[in-house]
Amino acid sequence: MIKRLTLLTRKAGTTREQFTRHWLEVHAPLTHAVPGLRRYVQSHIVDEYRRSDIPTTPIEVDGIAELWFEDRAARTTPSPRPRWPRSTPTGRSSSAATRPSWSRRR
């Protein structure tokens, strides 16, 4: 299995409630329609754990998205519609900035 992890940060002016609603009601149905997707997990940040002996990062994270595929070929399988559906006419998220990366479970 291969997994895409994406850290999401609310855009300025977007409340946590607006962000959560948009992610659940708009992005989730679109993501579930992605060909080859085996699993989709949304992790909504509700609190931040801090320790005085560990420095924090300047990145504010409001959520983590996990998209699971069988392998690299499955994540690039051609389909009759756009591979990664978008929720806005511009193809840009109206509620968040993202930082995606790919990982393999070991």
PDB file of N, CA and C in Angstrom:
ATOM      1  N   MET A   1       0.834  -1.189   0.000  1.00  0.00           N
ATOM      2  CA  MET A   1       0.000   0.000   0.000  1.00  0.00           C
ATOM      3  C   MET A   1       0.874   1.245   0.000  1.00  0.00           C
ATOM      4  N   ILE A   2       0.377   2.263  -0.680  1.00  0.00           N
ATOM      5  CA  ILE A   2       1.049   3.555  -0.679  1.00  0.00           C
ATOM      6  C   ILE A   2       0.023   4.586  -0.209  1.00  0.00           C
ATOM      7  N   LYS A   3       0.492   5.575   0.528  1.00  0.00           N
ATOM      8  CA  LYS A   3      -0.419   6.529   1.143  1.00  0.00           C
ATOM      9  C   LYS A   3       0.030   7.956   0.855  1.00  0.00           C
ATOM     10  N   ARG A   4      -0.937   8.789   0.501  1.00  0.00           N
ATOM     11  CA  ARG A   4      -0.675  10.217   0.355  1.00  0.00           C
ATOM     12  C   ARG A   4      -1.122  10.892   1.643  1.00  0.00           C
ATOM     13  N   LEU A   5      -0.200  11.574   2.291  1.00  0.00           N
ATOM     14  CA  LEU A   5      -0.495  12.341   3.505  1.00  0.00           C
ATOM     15  C   LEU A   5      -0.481  13.815   3.141  1.00  0.00           C
ATOM     16  N   THR A   6      -1.517  14.527   3.545  1.00  0.00           N
ATOM     17  CA  THR A   6      -1.574  15.951   3.259  1.00  0.00           C
ATOM     18  C   THR A   6      -1.896  16.713   4.532  1.00  0.00           C
ATOM     19  N   LEU A   7      -1.037  17.659   4.877  1.00  0.00           N
ATOM     20  CA  LEU A   7      -1.294  18.552   5.999  1.00  0.00           C
ATOM     21  C   LEU A   7      -2.115  19.719   5.457  1.00  0.00           C
ATOM     22  N   LEU A   8      -3.220  20.027   6.114  1.00  0.00           N
ATOM     23  CA  LEU A   8      -4.096  21.107   5.661  1.00  0.00           C
ATOM     24  C   LEU A   8      -4.102  22.243   6.670  1.00  0.00           C
ATOM     25  N   THR A   9      -4.045  23.457   6.143  1.00  0.00           N
ATOM     26  CA  THR A   9      -4.100  24.657   6.962  1.00  0.00           C
ATOM     27  C   THR A   9      -5.220  25.545   6.433  1.00  0.00           C
ATOM     28  N   ARG A  10      -6.099  25.966   7.328  1.00  0.00           N
ATOM     29  CA  ARG A  10      -7.190  26.859   6.929  1.00  0.00           C
ATOM     30  C   ARG A  10      -6.632  28.118   6.295  1.00  0.00           C
ATOM     31  N   LYS A  11      -7.294  28.596   5.241  1.00  0.00           N
ATOM     32  CA  LYS A  11      -6.904  29.869   4.650  1.00  0.00           C
ATOM     33  C   LYS A  11      -7.350  31.003   5.562  1.00  0.00           C
ATOM     34  N   ALA A  12      -6.624  32.094   5.503  1.00  0.00           N
ATOM     35  CA  ALA A  12      -6.953  33.272   6.308  1.00  0.00           C
ATOM     36  C   ALA A  12      -8.402  33.670   6.075  1.00  0.00           C
ATOM     37  N   GLY A  13      -9.087  33.977   7.148  1.00  0.00           N
ATOM     38  CA  GLY A  13     -10.481  34.390   7.039  1.00  0.00           C
ATOM     39  C   GLY A  13     -11.479  33.249   7.063  1.00  0.00           C
ATOM     40  N   THR A  14     -10.992  32.014   7.075  1.00  0.00           N
ATOM     41  CA  THR A  14     -11.869  30.840   7.136  1.00  0.00           C
ATOM     42  C   THR A  14     -11.936  30.357   8.576  1.00  0.00           C
ATOM     43  N   THR A  15     -13.137  30.225   9.102  1.00  0.00           N
ATOM     44  CA  THR A  15     -13.275  29.732  10.470  1.00  0.00           C
ATOM     45  C   THR A  15     -13.063  28.221  10.496  1.00  0.00           C
ATOM     46  N   ARG A  16     -12.792  27.696  11.662  1.00  0.00           N
ATOM     47  CA  ARG A  16     -12.629  26.242  11.802  1.00  0.00           C
ATOM     48  C   ARG A  16     -13.911  25.523  11.366  1.00  0.00           C
ATOM     49  N   GLU A  17     -15.068  26.091  11.697  1.00  0.00           N
ATOM     50  CA  GLU A  17     -16.346  25.485  11.326  1.00  0.00           C
ATOM     51  C   GLU A  17     -16.531  25.471   9.808  1.00  0.00           C
ATOM     52  N   GLN A  18     -16.199  26.565   9.131  1.00  0.00           N
ATOM     53  CA  GLN A  18     -16.300  26.627   7.666  1.00  0.00           C
ATOM     54  C   GLN A  18     -15.350  25.613   7.032  1.00  0.00           C
ATOM     55  N   PHE A  19     -14.135  25.572   7.529  1.00  0.00           N
ATOM     56  CA  PHE A  19     -13.136  24.636   7.019  1.00  0.00           C
ATOM     57  C   PHE A  19     -13.619  23.196   7.153  1.00  0.00           C
ATOM     58  N   THR A  20     -14.090  22.843   8.345  1.00  0.00           N
ATOM     59  CA  THR A  20     -14.548  21.480   8.613  1.00  0.00           C
ATOM     60  C   THR A  20     -15.733  21.124   7.738  1.00  0.00           C
ATOM     61  N   ARG A  21     -16.710  21.999   7.643  1.00  0.00           N
ATOM     62  CA  ARG A  21     -17.894  21.737   6.827  1.00  0.00           C
ATOM     63  C   ARG A  21     -17.508  21.522   5.356  1.00  0.00           C
ATOM     64  N   HIS A  22     -16.644  22.400   4.823  1.00  0.00           N
ATOM     65  CA  HIS A  22     -16.228  22.290   3.424  1.00  0.00           C
ATOM     66  C   HIS A  22     -15.471  20.981   3.173  1.00  0.00           C
ATOM     67  N   TRP A  23     -14.595  20.634   4.094  1.00  0.00           N
ATOM     68  CA  TRP A  23     -13.800  19.412   3.949  1.00  0.00           C
ATOM     69  C   TRP A  23     -14.706  18.184   3.982  1.00  0.00           C
ATOM     70  N   LEU A  24     -15.652  18.159   4.908  1.00  0.00           N
ATOM     71  CA  LEU A  24     -16.555  17.006   5.032  1.00  0.00           C
ATOM     72  C   LEU A  24     -17.594  16.938   3.913  1.00  0.00           C
ATOM     73  N   GLU A  25     -18.190  18.065   3.568  1.00  0.00           N
ATOM     74  CA  GLU A  25     -19.323  18.059   2.647  1.00  0.00           C
ATOM     75  C   GLU A  25     -18.954  18.204   1.179  1.00  0.00           C
ATOM     76  N   VAL A  26     -17.820  18.851   0.884  1.00  0.00           N
ATOM     77  CA  VAL A  26     -17.418  19.056  -0.507  1.00  0.00           C
ATOM     78  C   VAL A  26     -16.272  18.129  -0.903  1.00  0.00           C
ATOM     79  N   HIS A  27     -15.177  18.189  -0.169  1.00  0.00           N
ATOM     80  CA  HIS A  27     -13.993  17.416  -0.556  1.00  0.00           C
ATOM     81  C   HIS A  27     -14.155  15.912  -0.359  1.00  0.00           C
ATOM     82  N   ALA A  28     -14.765  15.488   0.729  1.00  0.00           N
ATOM     83  CA  ALA A  28     -14.887  14.045   0.990  1.00  0.00           C
ATOM     84  C   ALA A  28     -15.609  13.304  -0.135  1.00  0.00           C
ATOM     85  N   PRO A  29     -16.779  13.751  -0.593  1.00  0.00           N
ATOM     86  CA  PRO A  29     -17.438  13.032  -1.686  1.00  0.00           C
ATOM     87  C   PRO A  29     -16.604  13.006  -2.971  1.00  0.00           C
ATOM     88  N   LEU A  30     -15.906  14.097  -3.271  1.00  0.00           N
ATOM     89  CA  LEU A  30     -15.056  14.130  -4.461  1.00  0.00           C
ATOM     90  C   LEU A  30     -13.894  13.159  -4.330  1.00  0.00           C
ATOM     91  N   THR A  31     -13.302  13.122  -3.163  1.00  0.00           N
ATOM     92  CA  THR A  31     -12.156  12.237  -2.939  1.00  0.00           C
ATOM     93  C   THR A  31     -12.569  10.774  -3.015  1.00  0.00           C
ATOM     94  N   HIS A  32     -13.714  10.436  -2.449  1.00  0.00           N
ATOM     95  CA  HIS A  32     -14.190   9.047  -2.502  1.00  0.00           C
ATOM     96  C   HIS A  32     -14.394   8.573  -3.940  1.00  0.00           C
ATOM     97  N   ALA A  33     -14.557   9.489  -4.888  1.00  0.00           N
ATOM     98  CA  ALA A  33     -14.767   9.135  -6.293  1.00  0.00           C
ATOM     99  C   ALA A  33     -13.463   8.948  -7.069  1.00  0.00           C
ATOM    100  N   VAL A  34     -12.321   9.192  -6.439  1.00  0.00           N
ATOM    101  CA  VAL A  34     -11.030   9.052  -7.131  1.00  0.00           C
ATOM    102  C   VAL A  34     -10.789   7.582  -7.465  1.00  0.00           C
ATOM    103  N   PRO A  35     -10.528   7.260  -8.735  1.00  0.00           N
ATOM    104  CA  PRO A  35     -10.275   5.874  -9.136  1.00  0.00           C
ATOM    105  C   PRO A  35      -9.062   5.290  -8.411  1.00  0.00           C
ATOM    106  N   GLY A  36      -9.166   4.054  -7.989  1.00  0.00           N
ATOM    107  CA  GLY A  36      -8.049   3.363  -7.347  1.00  0.00           C
ATOM    108  C   GLY A  36      -7.912   3.632  -5.862  1.00  0.00           C
ATOM    109  N   LEU A  37      -8.705   4.537  -5.321  1.00  0.00           N
ATOM    110  CA  LEU A  37      -8.622   4.861  -3.895  1.00  0.00           C
ATOM    111  C   LEU A  37      -9.113   3.678  -3.075  1.00  0.00           C
ATOM    112  N   ARG A  38      -8.311   3.239  -2.115  1.00  0.00           N
ATOM    113  CA  ARG A  38      -8.663   2.105  -1.251  1.00  0.00           C
ATOM    114  C   ARG A  38      -9.172   2.551   0.115  1.00  0.00           C
ATOM    115  N   ARG A  39      -8.651   3.692   0.594  1.00  0.00           N
ATOM    116  CA  ARG A  39      -9.050   4.171   1.906  1.00  0.00           C
ATOM    117  C   ARG A  39      -8.854   5.675   1.961  1.00  0.00           C
ATOM    118  N   TYR A  40      -9.746   6.351   2.670  1.00  0.00           N
ATOM    119  CA  TYR A  40      -9.646   7.798   2.834  1.00  0.00           C
ATOM    120  C   TYR A  40      -9.920   8.123   4.296  1.00  0.00           C
ATOM    121  N   VAL A  41      -9.000   8.856   4.919  1.00  0.00           N
ATOM    122  CA  VAL A  41      -9.137   9.212   6.332  1.00  0.00           C
ATOM    123  C   VAL A  41      -8.942  10.722   6.472  1.00  0.00           C
ATOM    124  N   GLN A  42      -9.867  11.362   7.185  1.00  0.00           N
ATOM    125  CA  GLN A  42      -9.720  12.765   7.558  1.00  0.00           C
ATOM    126  C   GLN A  42      -9.459  12.815   9.055  1.00  0.00           C
ATOM    127  N   SER A  43      -8.371  13.451   9.442  1.00  0.00           N
ATOM    128  CA  SER A  43      -8.076  13.659  10.863  1.00  0.00           C
ATOM    129  C   SER A  43      -8.190  15.153  11.136  1.00  0.00           C
ATOM    130  N   HIS A  44      -9.186  15.536  11.926  1.00  0.00           N
ATOM    131  CA  HIS A  44      -9.438  16.930  12.254  1.00  0.00           C
ATOM    132  C   HIS A  44      -8.731  17.261  13.569  1.00  0.00           C
ATOM    133  N   ILE A  45      -7.846  18.241  13.540  1.00  0.00           N
ATOM    134  CA  ILE A  45      -7.100  18.629  14.732  1.00  0.00           C
ATOM    135  C   ILE A  45      -8.056  19.335  15.706  1.00  0.00           C
ATOM    136  N   VAL A  46      -8.098  18.833  16.923  1.00  0.00           N
ATOM    137  CA  VAL A  46      -8.986  19.424  17.928  1.00  0.00           C
ATOM    138  C   VAL A  46      -8.200  20.090  19.064  1.00  0.00           C
ATOM    139  N   ASP A  47      -6.957  19.707  19.218  1.00  0.00           N
ATOM    140  CA  ASP A  47      -6.120  20.292  20.258  1.00  0.00           C
ATOM    141  C   ASP A  47      -4.667  20.038  19.885  1.00  0.00           C
ATOM    142  N   GLU A  48      -3.776  20.807  20.447  1.00  0.00           N
ATOM    143  CA  GLU A  48      -2.358  20.672  20.155  1.00  0.00           C
ATOM    144  C   GLU A  48      -1.610  20.344  21.432  1.00  0.00           C
ATOM    145  N   TYR A  49      -0.796  19.305  21.377  1.00  0.00           N
ATOM    146  CA  TYR A  49       0.005  18.904  22.525  1.00  0.00           C
ATOM    147  C   TYR A  49       1.369  19.558  22.407  1.00  0.00           C
ATOM    148  N   ARG A  50       1.774  20.243  23.428  1.00  0.00           N
ATOM    149  CA  ARG A  50       3.084  20.919  23.424  1.00  0.00           C
ATOM    150  C   ARG A  50       3.872  20.523  24.659  1.00  0.00           C
ATOM    151  N   ARG A  51       5.189  20.464  24.453  1.00  0.00           N
ATOM    152  CA  ARG A  51       6.113  20.216  25.571  1.00  0.00           C
ATOM    153  C   ARG A  51       7.156  21.306  25.552  1.00  0.00           C
ATOM    154  N   SER A  52       7.566  21.741  26.718  1.00  0.00           N
ATOM    155  CA  SER A  52       8.542  22.827  26.810  1.00  0.00           C
ATOM    156  C   SER A  52       9.920  22.418  26.295  1.00  0.00           C
ATOM    157  N   ASP A  53      10.224  21.123  26.287  1.00  0.00           N
ATOM    158  CA  ASP A  53      11.550  20.670  25.849  1.00  0.00           C
ATOM    159  C   ASP A  53      11.615  20.334  24.360  1.00  0.00           C
ATOM    160  N   ILE A  54      10.499  20.470  23.643  1.00  0.00           N
ATOM    161  CA  ILE A  54      10.481  20.194  22.205  1.00  0.00           C
ATOM    162  C   ILE A  54       9.983  21.441  21.482  1.00  0.00           C
ATOM    163  N   PRO A  55      10.800  21.992  20.569  1.00  0.00           N
ATOM    164  CA  PRO A  55      10.372  23.201  19.863  1.00  0.00           C
ATOM    165  C   PRO A  55       9.201  22.899  18.909  1.00  0.00           C
ATOM    166  N   THR A  56       8.340  23.893  18.732  1.00  0.00           N
ATOM    167  CA  THR A  56       7.222  23.736  17.797  1.00  0.00           C
ATOM    168  C   THR A  56       7.632  24.228  16.420  1.00  0.00           C
ATOM    169  N   THR A  57       6.861  23.869  15.414  1.00  0.00           N
ATOM    170  CA  THR A  57       7.110  24.338  14.058  1.00  0.00           C
ATOM    171  C   THR A  57       6.189  25.520  13.774  1.00  0.00           C
ATOM    172  N   PRO A  58       6.557  26.347  12.826  1.00  0.00           N
ATOM    173  CA  PRO A  58       5.709  27.498  12.503  1.00  0.00           C
ATOM    174  C   PRO A  58       4.484  27.118  11.660  1.00  0.00           C
ATOM    175  N   ILE A  59       4.348  25.860  11.296  1.00  0.00           N
ATOM    176  CA  ILE A  59       3.233  25.419  10.456  1.00  0.00           C
ATOM    177  C   ILE A  59       2.006  25.166  11.322  1.00  0.00           C
ATOM    178  N   GLU A  60       0.917  25.840  10.987  1.00  0.00           N
ATOM    179  CA  GLU A  60      -0.358  25.598  11.661  1.00  0.00           C
ATOM    180  C   GLU A  60      -1.077  24.508  10.874  1.00  0.00           C
ATOM    181  N   VAL A  61      -1.472  23.438  11.534  1.00  0.00           N
ATOM    182  CA  VAL A  61      -2.151  22.335  10.864  1.00  0.00           C
ATOM    183  C   VAL A  61      -3.555  22.195  11.443  1.00  0.00           C
ATOM    184  N   ASP A  62      -4.550  22.228  10.560  1.00  0.00           N
ATOM    185  CA  ASP A  62      -5.944  22.084  10.989  1.00  0.00           C
ATOM    186  C   ASP A  62      -6.488  20.696  10.686  1.00  0.00           C
ATOM    187  N   GLY A  63      -5.797  19.956   9.826  1.00  0.00           N
ATOM    188  CA  GLY A  63      -6.245  18.611   9.506  1.00  0.00           C
ATOM    189  C   GLY A  63      -5.190  17.842   8.738  1.00  0.00           C
ATOM    190  N   ILE A  64      -5.357  16.524   8.718  1.00  0.00           N
ATOM    191  CA  ILE A  64      -4.461  15.639   7.976  1.00  0.00           C
ATOM    192  C   ILE A  64      -5.340  14.706   7.147  1.00  0.00           C
ATOM    193  N   ALA A  65      -5.085  14.665   5.855  1.00  0.00           N
ATOM    194  CA  ALA A  65      -5.828  13.771   4.965  1.00  0.00           C
ATOM    195  C   ALA A  65      -4.923  12.617   4.570  1.00  0.00           C
ATOM    196  N   GLU A  66      -5.483  11.396   4.580  1.00  0.00           N
ATOM    197  CA  GLU A  66      -4.763  10.205   4.137  1.00  0.00           C
ATOM    198  C   GLU A  66      -5.534   9.588   2.982  1.00  0.00           C
ATOM    199  N   LEU A  67      -4.857   9.398   1.852  1.00  0.00           N
ATOM    200  CA  LEU A  67      -5.443   8.724   0.703  1.00  0.00           C
ATOM    201  C   LEU A  67      -4.595   7.494   0.423  1.00  0.00           C
ATOM    202  N   TRP A  68      -5.202   6.320   0.509  1.00  0.00           N
ATOM    203  CA  TRP A  68      -4.499   5.056   0.364  1.00  0.00           C
ATOM    204  C   TRP A  68      -4.769   4.442  -1.011  1.00  0.00           C
ATOM    205  N   PHE A  69      -3.698   3.947  -1.633  1.00  0.00           N
ATOM    206  CA  PHE A  69      -3.778   3.257  -2.923  1.00  0.00           C
ATOM    207  C   PHE A  69      -3.011   1.941  -2.822  1.00  0.00           C
ATOM    208  N   GLU A  70      -3.355   0.994  -3.674  1.00  0.00           N
ATOM    209  CA  GLU A  70      -2.698  -0.314  -3.665  1.00  0.00           C
ATOM    210  C   GLU A  70      -1.204  -0.186  -3.959  1.00  0.00           C
ATOM    211  N   ASP A  71      -0.871   0.636  -4.961  1.00  0.00           N
ATOM    212  CA  ASP A  71       0.526   0.830  -5.349  1.00  0.00           C
ATOM    213  C   ASP A  71       0.638   2.109  -6.171  1.00  0.00           C
ATOM    214  N   ARG A  72       1.838   2.410  -6.637  1.00  0.00           N
ATOM    215  CA  ARG A  72       2.042   3.628  -7.432  1.00  0.00           C
ATOM    216  C   ARG A  72       1.237   3.620  -8.720  1.00  0.00           C
ATOM    217  N   ALA A  73       1.115   2.467  -9.341  1.00  0.00           N
ATOM    218  CA  ALA A  73       0.349   2.375 -10.591  1.00  0.00           C
ATOM    219  C   ALA A  73      -1.117   2.726 -10.354  1.00  0.00           C
ATOM    220  N   ALA A  74      -1.674   2.306  -9.235  1.00  0.00           N
ATOM    221  CA  ALA A  74      -3.086   2.573  -8.940  1.00  0.00           C
ATOM    222  C   ALA A  74      -3.364   4.064  -8.763  1.00  0.00           C
ATOM    223  N   ARG A  75      -2.403   4.796  -8.262  1.00  0.00           N
ATOM    224  CA  ARG A  75      -2.647   6.227  -8.039  1.00  0.00           C
ATOM    225  C   ARG A  75      -2.567   7.034  -9.322  1.00  0.00           C
ATOM    226  N   THR A  76      -2.078   6.429 -10.396  1.00  0.00           N
ATOM    227  CA  THR A  76      -1.964   7.144 -11.674  1.00  0.00           C
ATOM    228  C   THR A  76      -2.786   6.490 -12.779  1.00  0.00           C
ATOM    229  N   THR A  77      -3.683   5.568 -12.426  1.00  0.00           N
ATOM    230  CA  THR A  77      -4.511   4.896 -13.422  1.00  0.00           C
ATOM    231  C   THR A  77      -5.349   5.912 -14.184  1.00  0.00           C
ATOM    232  N   PRO A  78      -5.285   5.879 -15.530  1.00  0.00           N
ATOM    233  CA  PRO A  78      -6.089   6.831 -16.305  1.00  0.00           C
ATOM    234  C   PRO A  78      -7.581   6.587 -16.093  1.00  0.00           C
ATOM    235  N   SER A  79      -8.341   7.642 -16.130  1.00  0.00           N
ATOM    236  CA  SER A  79      -9.793   7.526 -16.017  1.00  0.00           C
ATOM    237  C   SER A  79     -10.425   8.494 -17.005  1.00  0.00           C
ATOM    238  N   PRO A  80     -11.703   8.316 -17.319  1.00  0.00           N
ATOM    239  CA  PRO A  80     -12.354   9.192 -18.296  1.00  0.00           C
ATOM    240  C   PRO A  80     -12.576  10.619 -17.793  1.00  0.00           C
ATOM    241  N   ARG A  81     -12.370  10.861 -16.504  1.00  0.00           N
ATOM    242  CA  ARG A  81     -12.533  12.209 -15.954  1.00  0.00           C
ATOM    243  C   ARG A  81     -11.224  12.628 -15.290  1.00  0.00           C
ATOM    244  N   PRO A  82     -11.109  13.887 -14.886  1.00  0.00           N
ATOM    245  CA  PRO A  82      -9.855  14.327 -14.259  1.00  0.00           C
ATOM    246  C   PRO A  82      -9.474  13.444 -13.075  1.00  0.00           C
ATOM    247  N   ARG A  83      -8.190  13.180 -12.955  1.00  0.00           N
ATOM    248  CA  ARG A  83      -7.673  12.283 -11.925  1.00  0.00           C
ATOM    249  C   ARG A  83      -7.994  12.754 -10.516  1.00  0.00           C
ATOM    250  N   TRP A  84      -7.719  13.996 -10.230  1.00  0.00           N
ATOM    251  CA  TRP A  84      -7.965  14.547  -8.905  1.00  0.00           C
ATOM    252  C   TRP A  84      -9.044  15.607  -9.039  1.00  0.00           C
ATOM    253  N   PRO A  85     -10.287  15.259  -8.747  1.00  0.00           N
ATOM    254  CA  PRO A  85     -11.362  16.237  -8.888  1.00  0.00           C
ATOM    255  C   PRO A  85     -11.142  17.450  -7.997  1.00  0.00           C
ATOM    256  N   ARG A  86     -11.605  18.585  -8.450  1.00  0.00           N
ATOM    257  CA  ARG A  86     -11.455  19.836  -7.695  1.00  0.00           C
ATOM    258  C   ARG A  86     -12.825  20.341  -7.289  1.00  0.00           C
ATOM    259  N   SER A  87     -12.851  21.117  -6.242  1.00  0.00           N
ATOM    260  CA  SER A  87     -14.131  21.584  -5.726  1.00  0.00           C
ATOM    261  C   SER A  87     -14.472  22.995  -6.175  1.00  0.00           C
ATOM    262  N   THR A  88     -13.579  23.645  -6.902  1.00  0.00           N
ATOM    263  CA  THR A  88     -13.857  24.997  -7.363  1.00  0.00           C
ATOM    264  C   THR A  88     -13.514  25.109  -8.835  1.00  0.00           C
ATOM    265  N   PRO A  89     -14.092  26.085  -9.542  1.00  0.00           N
ATOM    266  CA  PRO A  89     -13.803  26.237 -10.976  1.00  0.00           C
ATOM    267  C   PRO A  89     -12.326  26.483 -11.272  1.00  0.00           C
ATOM    268  N   THR A  90     -11.589  27.086 -10.346  1.00  0.00           N
ATOM    269  CA  THR A  90     -10.174  27.370 -10.589  1.00  0.00           C
ATOM    270  C   THR A  90      -9.290  26.161 -10.313  1.00  0.00           C
ATOM    271  N   GLY A  91      -9.857  25.120  -9.682  1.00  0.00           N
ATOM    272  CA  GLY A  91      -9.054  23.969  -9.333  1.00  0.00           C
ATOM    273  C   GLY A  91      -8.299  24.160  -8.038  1.00  0.00           C
ATOM    274  N   ARG A  92      -8.527  25.265  -7.348  1.00  0.00           N
ATOM    275  CA  ARG A  92      -7.853  25.528  -6.080  1.00  0.00           C
ATOM    276  C   ARG A  92      -8.850  25.401  -4.943  1.00  0.00           C
ATOM    277  N   SER A  93      -8.378  24.923  -3.846  1.00  0.00           N
ATOM    278  CA  SER A  93      -9.235  24.787  -2.675  1.00  0.00           C
ATOM    279  C   SER A  93      -9.648  26.158  -2.171  1.00  0.00           C
ATOM    280  N   SER A  94     -10.912  26.278  -1.824  1.00  0.00           N
ATOM    281  CA  SER A  94     -11.380  27.554  -1.306  1.00  0.00           C
ATOM    282  C   SER A  94     -11.208  27.655   0.198  1.00  0.00           C
ATOM    283  N   SER A  95     -10.801  26.559   0.853  1.00  0.00           N
ATOM    284  CA  SER A  95     -10.760  26.587   2.312  1.00  0.00           C
ATOM    285  C   SER A  95      -9.405  26.289   2.935  1.00  0.00           C
ATOM    286  N   ALA A  96      -8.438  25.762   2.173  1.00  0.00           N
ATOM    287  CA  ALA A  96      -7.195  25.341   2.817  1.00  0.00           C
ATOM    288  C   ALA A  96      -5.996  25.422   1.892  1.00  0.00           C
ATOM    289  N   ALA A  97      -4.838  25.556   2.524  1.00  0.00           N
ATOM    290  CA  ALA A  97      -3.560  25.390   1.845  1.00  0.00           C
ATOM    291  C   ALA A  97      -3.094  23.984   2.199  1.00  0.00           C
ATOM    292  N   THR A  98      -2.367  23.323   1.299  1.00  0.00           N
ATOM    293  CA  THR A  98      -1.980  21.941   1.559  1.00  0.00           C
ATOM    294  C   THR A  98      -0.482  21.723   1.414  1.00  0.00           C
ATOM    295  N   ARG A  99      -0.041  20.610   1.989  1.00  0.00           N
ATOM    296  CA  ARG A  99       1.352  20.184   1.889  1.00  0.00           C
ATOM    297  C   ARG A  99       1.347  18.664   1.749  1.00  0.00           C
ATOM    298  N   PRO A 100       1.218  18.131   0.498  1.00  0.00           N
ATOM    299  CA  PRO A 100       1.128  16.677   0.319  1.00  0.00           C
ATOM    300  C   PRO A 100       2.482  15.972   0.261  1.00  0.00           C
ATOM    301  N   SER A 101       2.485  14.709   0.665  1.00  0.00           N
ATOM    302  CA  SER A 101       3.665  13.853   0.531  1.00  0.00           C
ATOM    303  C   SER A 101       3.177  12.419   0.414  1.00  0.00           C
ATOM    304  N   TRP A 102       4.022  11.555  -0.120  1.00  0.00           N
ATOM    305  CA  TRP A 102       3.688  10.136  -0.282  1.00  0.00           C
ATOM    306  C   TRP A 102       4.522   9.308   0.677  1.00  0.00           C
ATOM    307  N   SER A 103       3.945   8.244   1.212  1.00  0.00           N
ATOM    308  CA  SER A 103       4.684   7.359   2.103  1.00  0.00           C
ATOM    309  C   SER A 103       4.282   5.913   1.859  1.00  0.00           C
ATOM    310  N   ARG A 104       5.110   5.012   2.307  1.00  0.00           N
ATOM    311  CA  ARG A 104       4.824   3.584   2.223  1.00  0.00           C
ATOM    312  C   ARG A 104       4.863   3.034   3.633  1.00  0.00           C
ATOM    313  N   ARG A 105       3.846   2.282   3.969  1.00  0.00           N
ATOM    314  CA  ARG A 105       3.791   1.686   5.316  1.00  0.00           C
ATOM    315  C   ARG A 105       4.782   0.534   5.393  1.00  0.00           C
ATOM    316  N   ARG A 106       5.542   0.484   6.453  1.00  0.00           N
ATOM    317  CA  ARG A 106       6.546  -0.580   6.633  1.00  0.00           C
ATOM    318  C   ARG A 106       6.293  -1.317   7.915  1.00  0.00           C
TER     319      ARG A 106
END
